[in-house]
Amino acid sequence: MVRLSRLLPDGRRHVMGFAMVGDFLGLALPERYNVTVEALSPTALCRFERRPFANLVAGKPHLLRKLHERAGYELTLAQDHMTLLGRRTAEEKVASFLLTMRDRYALVGQGSVTVALPMGRQDIADHLGLTIETVSRLLTRLDREKALLIVPGGVRLTNLDRLENLAAA
């Protein structure tokens, strides 16, 4: 897993997202990127030069179709995240984040009731527009309410109905 972040002019960090197995970075058109990518766990990347990759895609319509699907998926994630940031309570944000991570792991064949969270609570807070104290308090409360169990390296989702109700609010 890698963290995608941007440093704001006032020195604050905004975590834009987390990329995982199968994610494609760099689909944007600009020649220069303004996003920092940092590995949160052992990571293997494959780098393509822009022009040779464009030539490869031009000769393989099925690859272009897959990239188009991937770009559409990432756009949907971005739109959902904008809604989450703008219109959700802190509790709804945390529940939605956990369920989204569960769904993303499932898409790459790593589905489980235990959701690995290689990022720290500060990363989660910076991603959700919350403070680390709020994220910690909410995870502890959800643990106490038995909606989840905090385990080393992640959380085990024990009451999906509760979490889904929070995320759908």
N, C-alpha and C. Protein backbone atom coordinates (compact mmCIF):
# COMPACT_ATOMS: atom_id res chain seq x y z
N MET A 1 0.85 -1.18 0.00
CA MET A 1 0.00 0.00 0.00
C MET A 1 0.89 1.24 0.00
N VAL A 2 0.45 2.24 -0.74
CA VAL A 2 1.17 3.52 -0.76
C VAL A 2 0.20 4.64 -0.40
N ARG A 3 0.74 5.68 0.19
CA ARG A 3 -0.04 6.87 0.56
C ARG A 3 0.21 7.94 -0.48
N LEU A 4 -0.87 8.56 -0.97
CA LEU A 4 -0.78 9.67 -1.90
C LEU A 4 -1.15 10.93 -1.13
N SER A 5 -0.24 11.89 -1.09
CA SER A 5 -0.50 13.09 -0.31
C SER A 5 0.00 14.33 -1.03
N ARG A 6 -0.45 15.43 -0.51
CA ARG A 6 -0.05 16.73 -1.06
C ARG A 6 0.18 17.66 0.14
N LEU A 7 1.24 18.42 0.07
CA LEU A 7 1.54 19.41 1.10
C LEU A 7 0.87 20.72 0.71
N LEU A 8 0.06 21.25 1.61
CA LEU A 8 -0.63 22.51 1.35
C LEU A 8 0.31 23.69 1.61
N PRO A 9 0.03 24.85 1.03
CA PRO A 9 0.93 26.01 1.19
C PRO A 9 1.20 26.39 2.64
N ASP A 10 0.26 26.11 3.54
CA ASP A 10 0.46 26.48 4.94
C ASP A 10 1.18 25.39 5.74
N GLY A 11 1.65 24.33 5.04
CA GLY A 11 2.42 23.29 5.71
C GLY A 11 1.60 22.08 6.14
N ARG A 12 0.29 22.17 6.06
CA ARG A 12 -0.53 21.01 6.42
C ARG A 12 -0.45 19.98 5.30
N ARG A 13 -0.66 18.73 5.68
CA ARG A 13 -0.62 17.63 4.72
C ARG A 13 -2.05 17.13 4.48
N HIS A 14 -2.38 16.92 3.22
CA HIS A 14 -3.66 16.31 2.88
C HIS A 14 -3.37 14.95 2.27
N VAL A 15 -3.87 13.89 2.90
CA VAL A 15 -3.73 12.55 2.34
C VAL A 15 -4.88 12.35 1.37
N MET A 16 -4.55 12.27 0.10
CA MET A 16 -5.55 12.19 -0.95
C MET A 16 -6.11 10.79 -1.10
N GLY A 17 -5.31 9.79 -0.75
CA GLY A 17 -5.80 8.43 -0.86
C GLY A 17 -4.70 7.43 -0.61
N PHE A 18 -5.08 6.16 -0.76
CA PHE A 18 -4.17 5.05 -0.56
C PHE A 18 -4.28 4.14 -1.76
N ALA A 19 -3.16 3.85 -2.40
CA ALA A 19 -3.16 2.95 -3.55
C ALA A 19 -2.68 1.58 -3.09
N MET A 20 -3.26 0.56 -3.70
CA MET A 20 -2.93 -0.80 -3.30
C MET A 20 -2.71 -1.68 -4.52
N VAL A 21 -2.53 -2.94 -4.30
CA VAL A 21 -2.28 -3.91 -5.37
C VAL A 21 -3.25 -3.67 -6.52
N GLY A 22 -2.71 -3.58 -7.73
CA GLY A 22 -3.54 -3.43 -8.92
C GLY A 22 -3.87 -2.00 -9.29
N ASP A 23 -3.61 -1.04 -8.40
CA ASP A 23 -3.90 0.35 -8.72
C ASP A 23 -2.86 0.88 -9.71
N PHE A 24 -3.31 1.79 -10.55
CA PHE A 24 -2.47 2.37 -11.59
C PHE A 24 -2.26 3.83 -11.24
N LEU A 25 -1.03 4.21 -10.98
CA LEU A 25 -0.71 5.60 -10.63
C LEU A 25 -0.26 6.34 -11.88
N GLY A 26 -0.56 7.61 -11.94
CA GLY A 26 -0.05 8.43 -13.03
C GLY A 26 -0.92 8.48 -14.27
N LEU A 27 -2.20 8.20 -14.13
CA LEU A 27 -3.09 8.29 -15.29
C LEU A 27 -3.38 9.73 -15.68
N ALA A 28 -3.09 10.66 -14.78
CA ALA A 28 -3.35 12.08 -15.07
C ALA A 28 -2.48 12.54 -16.23
N LEU A 29 -2.93 13.59 -16.89
CA LEU A 29 -2.25 14.07 -18.08
C LEU A 29 -1.04 14.98 -17.85
N PRO A 30 -0.97 15.71 -16.74
CA PRO A 30 0.15 16.65 -16.61
C PRO A 30 1.52 15.96 -16.69
N GLU A 31 2.46 16.68 -17.23
CA GLU A 31 3.83 16.16 -17.31
C GLU A 31 4.48 16.11 -15.93
N ARG A 32 4.02 16.97 -15.04
CA ARG A 32 4.60 17.05 -13.69
C ARG A 32 3.49 16.81 -12.68
N TYR A 33 3.75 15.95 -11.72
CA TYR A 33 2.74 15.60 -10.72
C TYR A 33 2.98 16.40 -9.45
N ASN A 34 1.91 16.73 -8.76
CA ASN A 34 2.03 17.47 -7.51
C ASN A 34 1.55 16.63 -6.34
N VAL A 35 1.71 15.32 -6.47
CA VAL A 35 1.33 14.38 -5.43
C VAL A 35 2.57 13.61 -5.01
N THR A 36 2.72 13.43 -3.71
CA THR A 36 3.82 12.62 -3.18
C THR A 36 3.29 11.22 -2.91
N VAL A 37 4.06 10.23 -3.29
CA VAL A 37 3.68 8.83 -3.07
C VAL A 37 4.73 8.21 -2.15
N GLU A 38 4.25 7.61 -1.04
CA GLU A 38 5.15 6.99 -0.07
C GLU A 38 4.66 5.59 0.25
N ALA A 39 5.56 4.61 0.22
CA ALA A 39 5.20 3.23 0.53
C ALA A 39 4.91 3.09 2.02
N LEU A 40 3.81 2.41 2.34
CA LEU A 40 3.44 2.13 3.73
C LEU A 40 3.71 0.67 4.09
N SER A 41 3.96 -0.13 3.09
CA SER A 41 4.28 -1.55 3.27
C SER A 41 5.20 -1.93 2.11
N PRO A 42 5.82 -3.11 2.17
CA PRO A 42 6.67 -3.49 1.05
C PRO A 42 5.91 -3.38 -0.27
N THR A 43 6.53 -2.71 -1.22
CA THR A 43 5.82 -2.36 -2.45
C THR A 43 6.70 -2.62 -3.66
N ALA A 44 6.10 -3.18 -4.69
CA ALA A 44 6.78 -3.34 -5.98
C ALA A 44 6.01 -2.52 -7.00
N LEU A 45 6.71 -1.70 -7.72
CA LEU A 45 6.10 -0.86 -8.74
C LEU A 45 6.70 -1.16 -10.09
N CYS A 46 5.95 -0.89 -11.12
CA CYS A 46 6.43 -1.02 -12.49
C CYS A 46 6.26 0.34 -13.14
N ARG A 47 7.33 0.88 -13.72
CA ARG A 47 7.30 2.22 -14.30
C ARG A 47 7.35 2.13 -15.82
N PHE A 48 6.52 2.95 -16.46
CA PHE A 48 6.48 3.01 -17.92
C PHE A 48 6.80 4.43 -18.36
N GLU A 49 7.61 4.56 -19.39
CA GLU A 49 7.82 5.86 -20.00
C GLU A 49 6.53 6.24 -20.72
N ARG A 50 6.20 7.53 -20.71
CA ARG A 50 4.92 7.99 -21.23
C ARG A 50 4.71 7.64 -22.71
N ARG A 51 5.66 8.00 -23.56
CA ARG A 51 5.48 7.80 -25.01
C ARG A 51 5.41 6.31 -25.39
N PRO A 52 6.36 5.49 -24.94
CA PRO A 52 6.26 4.07 -25.29
C PRO A 52 4.97 3.43 -24.75
N PHE A 53 4.54 3.87 -23.58
CA PHE A 53 3.30 3.32 -23.03
C PHE A 53 2.10 3.74 -23.89
N ALA A 54 2.08 4.98 -24.32
CA ALA A 54 0.99 5.45 -25.20
C ALA A 54 0.96 4.64 -26.49
N ASN A 55 2.13 4.34 -27.03
CA ASN A 55 2.20 3.53 -28.24
C ASN A 55 1.69 2.11 -27.99
N LEU A 56 2.04 1.55 -26.85
CA LEU A 56 1.58 0.21 -26.49
C LEU A 56 0.05 0.18 -26.39
N VAL A 57 -0.51 1.16 -25.69
CA VAL A 57 -1.96 1.23 -25.51
C VAL A 57 -2.66 1.42 -26.86
N ALA A 58 -2.08 2.23 -27.72
CA ALA A 58 -2.69 2.48 -29.04
C ALA A 58 -2.81 1.18 -29.84
N GLY A 59 -1.89 0.27 -29.67
CA GLY A 59 -1.91 -0.98 -30.41
C GLY A 59 -2.69 -2.09 -29.73
N LYS A 60 -3.23 -1.84 -28.55
CA LYS A 60 -3.95 -2.88 -27.80
C LYS A 60 -5.25 -2.30 -27.24
N PRO A 61 -6.31 -2.31 -28.05
CA PRO A 61 -7.58 -1.72 -27.61
C PRO A 61 -8.12 -2.30 -26.30
N HIS A 62 -7.88 -3.60 -26.03
CA HIS A 62 -8.37 -4.18 -24.78
C HIS A 62 -7.67 -3.55 -23.57
N LEU A 63 -6.39 -3.17 -23.73
CA LEU A 63 -5.68 -2.50 -22.65
C LEU A 63 -6.24 -1.10 -22.43
N LEU A 64 -6.54 -0.41 -23.52
CA LEU A 64 -7.15 0.92 -23.42
C LEU A 64 -8.50 0.82 -22.70
N ARG A 65 -9.28 -0.20 -23.00
CA ARG A 65 -10.57 -0.40 -22.36
C ARG A 65 -10.39 -0.64 -20.85
N LYS A 66 -9.40 -1.44 -20.48
CA LYS A 66 -9.12 -1.69 -19.05
C LYS A 66 -8.69 -0.41 -18.34
N LEU A 67 -7.85 0.40 -18.99
CA LEU A 67 -7.43 1.67 -18.40
C LEU A 67 -8.62 2.61 -18.24
N HIS A 68 -9.51 2.60 -19.21
CA HIS A 68 -10.72 3.42 -19.14
C HIS A 68 -11.59 2.98 -17.96
N GLU A 69 -11.75 1.67 -17.78
CA GLU A 69 -12.51 1.15 -16.63
C GLU A 69 -11.85 1.57 -15.33
N ARG A 70 -10.53 1.48 -15.28
CA ARG A 70 -9.79 1.83 -14.07
C ARG A 70 -9.95 3.32 -13.76
N ALA A 71 -9.86 4.16 -14.78
CA ALA A 71 -10.02 5.60 -14.59
C ALA A 71 -11.44 5.91 -14.09
N GLY A 72 -12.44 5.20 -14.62
CA GLY A 72 -13.82 5.39 -14.16
C GLY A 72 -13.98 4.98 -12.71
N TYR A 73 -13.35 3.88 -12.32
CA TYR A 73 -13.39 3.43 -10.92
C TYR A 73 -12.75 4.46 -10.00
N GLU A 74 -11.59 4.98 -10.40
CA GLU A 74 -10.90 5.99 -9.58
C GLU A 74 -11.71 7.27 -9.50
N LEU A 75 -12.39 7.65 -10.56
CA LEU A 75 -13.25 8.82 -10.54
C LEU A 75 -14.40 8.62 -9.56
N THR A 76 -14.99 7.44 -9.56
CA THR A 76 -16.06 7.13 -8.61
C THR A 76 -15.55 7.22 -7.18
N LEU A 77 -14.37 6.67 -6.91
CA LEU A 77 -13.77 6.76 -5.57
C LEU A 77 -13.58 8.23 -5.17
N ALA A 78 -13.08 9.05 -6.10
CA ALA A 78 -12.85 10.46 -5.82
C ALA A 78 -14.16 11.19 -5.53
N GLN A 79 -15.20 10.89 -6.30
CA GLN A 79 -16.49 11.54 -6.07
C GLN A 79 -17.08 11.12 -4.73
N ASP A 80 -16.96 9.84 -4.41
CA ASP A 80 -17.44 9.37 -3.10
C ASP A 80 -16.67 10.04 -1.97
N HIS A 81 -15.37 10.23 -2.17
CA HIS A 81 -14.56 10.86 -1.13
C HIS A 81 -14.93 12.33 -0.95
N MET A 82 -15.23 13.02 -2.04
CA MET A 82 -15.66 14.42 -1.93
C MET A 82 -16.95 14.52 -1.12
N THR A 83 -17.88 13.62 -1.37
CA THR A 83 -19.13 13.61 -0.61
C THR A 83 -18.84 13.32 0.86
N LEU A 84 -17.98 12.34 1.09
CA LEU A 84 -17.62 11.97 2.46
C LEU A 84 -17.04 13.17 3.21
N LEU A 85 -16.13 13.89 2.56
CA LEU A 85 -15.49 15.03 3.23
C LEU A 85 -16.47 16.17 3.48
N GLY A 86 -17.36 16.39 2.54
CA GLY A 86 -18.23 17.56 2.63
C GLY A 86 -19.51 17.38 3.40
N ARG A 87 -20.03 16.18 3.47
CA ARG A 87 -21.38 16.01 4.00
C ARG A 87 -21.54 14.93 5.07
N ARG A 88 -20.47 14.41 5.60
CA ARG A 88 -20.58 13.32 6.56
C ARG A 88 -20.06 13.73 7.93
N THR A 89 -20.63 13.12 8.97
CA THR A 89 -20.12 13.32 10.32
C THR A 89 -18.83 12.52 10.48
N ALA A 90 -18.11 12.78 11.54
CA ALA A 90 -16.86 12.07 11.79
C ALA A 90 -17.10 10.56 11.89
N GLU A 91 -18.12 10.16 12.59
CA GLU A 91 -18.43 8.74 12.75
C GLU A 91 -18.77 8.10 11.41
N GLU A 92 -19.53 8.79 10.59
CA GLU A 92 -19.87 8.30 9.25
C GLU A 92 -18.62 8.18 8.38
N LYS A 93 -17.72 9.14 8.51
CA LYS A 93 -16.48 9.11 7.72
C LYS A 93 -15.64 7.88 8.05
N VAL A 94 -15.48 7.61 9.34
CA VAL A 94 -14.65 6.48 9.76
C VAL A 94 -15.28 5.16 9.32
N ALA A 95 -16.58 5.00 9.53
CA ALA A 95 -17.27 3.77 9.12
C ALA A 95 -17.17 3.58 7.61
N SER A 96 -17.39 4.65 6.85
CA SER A 96 -17.32 4.58 5.40
C SER A 96 -15.91 4.23 4.94
N PHE A 97 -14.90 4.82 5.56
CA PHE A 97 -13.51 4.52 5.22
C PHE A 97 -13.21 3.04 5.41
N LEU A 98 -13.62 2.49 6.54
CA LEU A 98 -13.34 1.08 6.84
C LEU A 98 -14.04 0.16 5.83
N LEU A 99 -15.28 0.46 5.50
CA LEU A 99 -16.01 -0.36 4.54
C LEU A 99 -15.44 -0.22 3.13
N THR A 100 -15.01 0.97 2.78
CA THR A 100 -14.38 1.17 1.47
C THR A 100 -13.08 0.37 1.38
N MET A 101 -12.29 0.40 2.44
CA MET A 101 -11.04 -0.38 2.44
C MET A 101 -11.36 -1.88 2.31
N ARG A 102 -12.37 -2.34 3.03
CA ARG A 102 -12.77 -3.75 2.93
C ARG A 102 -13.14 -4.09 1.49
N ASP A 103 -13.92 -3.23 0.84
CA ASP A 103 -14.36 -3.47 -0.53
C ASP A 103 -13.18 -3.44 -1.51
N ARG A 104 -12.24 -2.54 -1.29
CA ARG A 104 -11.09 -2.46 -2.19
C ARG A 104 -10.22 -3.71 -2.06
N TYR A 105 -10.02 -4.20 -0.83
CA TYR A 105 -9.28 -5.45 -0.66
C TYR A 105 -9.99 -6.60 -1.35
N ALA A 106 -11.32 -6.66 -1.23
CA ALA A 106 -12.09 -7.73 -1.86
C ALA A 106 -11.92 -7.71 -3.38
N LEU A 107 -11.84 -6.52 -3.97
CA LEU A 107 -11.68 -6.40 -5.43
C LEU A 107 -10.39 -7.05 -5.93
N VAL A 108 -9.37 -7.10 -5.09
CA VAL A 108 -8.09 -7.69 -5.51
C VAL A 108 -7.89 -9.07 -4.89
N GLY A 109 -9.00 -9.67 -4.45
CA GLY A 109 -8.94 -11.03 -3.94
C GLY A 109 -8.41 -11.16 -2.53
N GLN A 110 -8.43 -10.07 -1.77
CA GLN A 110 -7.94 -10.12 -0.40
C GLN A 110 -9.06 -9.82 0.59
N GLY A 111 -10.26 -10.29 0.26
CA GLY A 111 -11.41 -10.05 1.12
C GLY A 111 -11.29 -10.81 2.42
N SER A 112 -11.72 -10.18 3.49
CA SER A 112 -11.63 -10.79 4.82
C SER A 112 -12.44 -9.93 5.79
N VAL A 113 -12.79 -10.51 6.93
CA VAL A 113 -13.44 -9.70 7.96
C VAL A 113 -12.42 -8.81 8.65
N THR A 114 -11.14 -9.17 8.52
CA THR A 114 -10.07 -8.32 9.07
C THR A 114 -9.56 -7.42 7.95
N VAL A 115 -9.62 -6.13 8.19
CA VAL A 115 -9.17 -5.13 7.21
C VAL A 115 -7.80 -4.64 7.64
N ALA A 116 -6.80 -4.91 6.82
CA ALA A 116 -5.44 -4.43 7.10
C ALA A 116 -5.42 -2.92 6.95
N LEU A 117 -4.79 -2.27 7.91
CA LEU A 117 -4.62 -0.81 7.87
C LEU A 117 -3.14 -0.49 8.08
N PRO A 118 -2.35 -0.58 7.00
CA PRO A 118 -0.92 -0.30 7.15
C PRO A 118 -0.61 1.17 7.40
N MET A 119 -1.61 2.03 7.19
CA MET A 119 -1.42 3.45 7.46
C MET A 119 -1.70 3.71 8.94
N GLY A 120 -1.12 4.78 9.45
CA GLY A 120 -1.35 5.16 10.84
C GLY A 120 -2.65 5.94 11.00
N ARG A 121 -3.03 6.14 12.22
CA ARG A 121 -4.25 6.90 12.50
C ARG A 121 -4.13 8.35 12.03
N GLN A 122 -2.92 8.90 12.07
CA GLN A 122 -2.73 10.26 11.56
C GLN A 122 -2.99 10.31 10.06
N ASP A 123 -2.55 9.27 9.33
CA ASP A 123 -2.82 9.20 7.90
C ASP A 123 -4.33 9.14 7.64
N ILE A 124 -5.03 8.31 8.41
CA ILE A 124 -6.48 8.20 8.25
C ILE A 124 -7.13 9.55 8.55
N ALA A 125 -6.69 10.19 9.62
CA ALA A 125 -7.24 11.49 9.99
C ALA A 125 -7.01 12.51 8.87
N ASP A 126 -5.81 12.56 8.34
CA ASP A 126 -5.50 13.51 7.26
C ASP A 126 -6.29 13.20 5.99
N HIS A 127 -6.63 11.96 5.80
CA HIS A 127 -7.43 11.56 4.62
C HIS A 127 -8.90 11.94 4.80
N LEU A 128 -9.38 11.85 6.03
CA LEU A 128 -10.80 12.10 6.29
C LEU A 128 -11.11 13.52 6.74
N GLY A 129 -10.08 14.35 6.87
CA GLY A 129 -10.30 15.72 7.33
C GLY A 129 -10.67 15.78 8.80
N LEU A 130 -10.10 14.89 9.59
CA LEU A 130 -10.37 14.82 11.02
C LEU A 130 -9.06 14.96 11.79
N THR A 131 -9.15 15.02 13.10
CA THR A 131 -7.95 15.01 13.92
C THR A 131 -7.64 13.56 14.31
N ILE A 132 -6.39 13.32 14.66
CA ILE A 132 -5.99 11.98 15.08
C ILE A 132 -6.76 11.57 16.34
N GLU A 133 -7.04 12.54 17.20
CA GLU A 133 -7.79 12.24 18.44
C GLU A 133 -9.20 11.75 18.11
N THR A 134 -9.83 12.38 17.12
CA THR A 134 -11.18 11.99 16.73
C THR A 134 -11.18 10.58 16.15
N VAL A 135 -10.23 10.28 15.27
CA VAL A 135 -10.15 8.94 14.68
C VAL A 135 -9.92 7.91 15.78
N SER A 136 -8.99 8.17 16.68
CA SER A 136 -8.69 7.24 17.77
C SER A 136 -9.91 7.03 18.66
N ARG A 137 -10.58 8.12 19.02
CA ARG A 137 -11.76 8.04 19.88
C ARG A 137 -12.86 7.22 19.21
N LEU A 138 -13.09 7.45 17.91
CA LEU A 138 -14.14 6.73 17.21
C LEU A 138 -13.82 5.25 17.04
N LEU A 139 -12.58 4.93 16.72
CA LEU A 139 -12.20 3.52 16.62
C LEU A 139 -12.36 2.82 17.96
N THR A 140 -11.96 3.49 19.03
CA THR A 140 -12.12 2.92 20.37
C THR A 140 -13.59 2.73 20.71
N ARG A 141 -14.42 3.71 20.37
CA ARG A 141 -15.86 3.60 20.66
C ARG A 141 -16.48 2.46 19.85
N LEU A 142 -16.14 2.36 18.57
CA LEU A 142 -16.67 1.28 17.73
C LEU A 142 -16.20 -0.08 18.24
N ASP A 143 -14.99 -0.12 18.78
CA ASP A 143 -14.47 -1.35 19.39
C ASP A 143 -15.29 -1.67 20.65
N ARG A 144 -15.51 -0.68 21.48
CA ARG A 144 -16.27 -0.86 22.72
C ARG A 144 -17.71 -1.29 22.43
N GLU A 145 -18.27 -0.76 21.33
CA GLU A 145 -19.65 -1.11 20.93
C GLU A 145 -19.70 -2.45 20.18
N LYS A 146 -18.54 -3.08 19.99
CA LYS A 146 -18.42 -4.37 19.32
C LYS A 146 -18.79 -4.32 17.83
N ALA A 147 -18.68 -3.15 17.22
CA ALA A 147 -18.85 -3.03 15.77
C ALA A 147 -17.59 -3.48 15.06
N LEU A 148 -16.45 -3.38 15.77
CA LEU A 148 -15.18 -3.84 15.25
C LEU A 148 -14.30 -4.24 16.41
N LEU A 149 -13.23 -4.92 16.08
CA LEU A 149 -12.23 -5.30 17.07
C LEU A 149 -10.89 -4.80 16.55
N ILE A 150 -10.22 -3.99 17.33
CA ILE A 150 -8.91 -3.49 16.93
C ILE A 150 -7.90 -4.62 17.13
N VAL A 151 -7.20 -4.97 16.04
CA VAL A 151 -6.20 -6.04 16.06
C VAL A 151 -4.88 -5.47 15.55
N PRO A 152 -3.77 -6.14 15.81
CA PRO A 152 -2.50 -5.63 15.28
C PRO A 152 -2.56 -5.48 13.76
N GLY A 153 -2.24 -4.30 13.27
CA GLY A 153 -2.19 -4.03 11.84
C GLY A 153 -3.52 -3.77 11.17
N GLY A 154 -4.61 -3.66 11.95
CA GLY A 154 -5.88 -3.39 11.31
C GLY A 154 -7.06 -3.50 12.25
N VAL A 155 -8.22 -3.80 11.68
CA VAL A 155 -9.45 -3.98 12.45
C VAL A 155 -10.21 -5.17 11.90
N ARG A 156 -10.90 -5.87 12.78
CA ARG A 156 -11.80 -6.95 12.38
C ARG A 156 -13.21 -6.40 12.46
N LEU A 157 -13.92 -6.43 11.36
CA LEU A 157 -15.28 -5.88 11.30
C LEU A 157 -16.24 -6.93 11.85
N THR A 158 -16.80 -6.69 13.02
CA THR A 158 -17.60 -7.69 13.71
C THR A 158 -19.11 -7.43 13.63
N ASN A 159 -19.51 -6.20 13.33
CA ASN A 159 -20.93 -5.88 13.20
C ASN A 159 -21.10 -5.03 11.94
N LEU A 160 -21.18 -5.73 10.80
CA LEU A 160 -21.29 -5.04 9.51
C LEU A 160 -22.56 -4.22 9.42
N ASP A 161 -23.66 -4.70 10.00
CA ASP A 161 -24.91 -3.94 9.94
C ASP A 161 -24.73 -2.57 10.59
N ARG A 162 -24.10 -2.52 11.73
CA ARG A 162 -23.88 -1.25 12.44
C ARG A 162 -23.02 -0.32 11.58
N LEU A 163 -21.91 -0.84 11.04
CA LEU A 163 -21.01 -0.04 10.23
C LEU A 163 -21.69 0.44 8.95
N GLU A 164 -22.43 -0.44 8.30
CA GLU A 164 -23.12 -0.05 7.07
C GLU A 164 -24.21 0.98 7.33
N ASN A 165 -24.90 0.86 8.47
CA ASN A 165 -25.90 1.88 8.83
C ASN A 165 -25.22 3.23 9.05
N LEU A 166 -24.09 3.23 9.73
CA LEU A 166 -23.36 4.49 9.94
C LEU A 166 -22.90 5.08 8.61
N ALA A 167 -22.35 4.23 7.74
CA ALA A 167 -21.80 4.71 6.47
C ALA A 167 -22.89 5.19 5.51
N ALA A 168 -24.08 4.66 5.63
CA ALA A 168 -25.17 5.03 4.73
C ALA A 168 -25.94 6.24 5.22
N ALA A 169 -25.66 6.70 6.41
CA ALA A 169 -26.43 7.81 7.00
C ALA A 169 -26.33 9.07 6.19
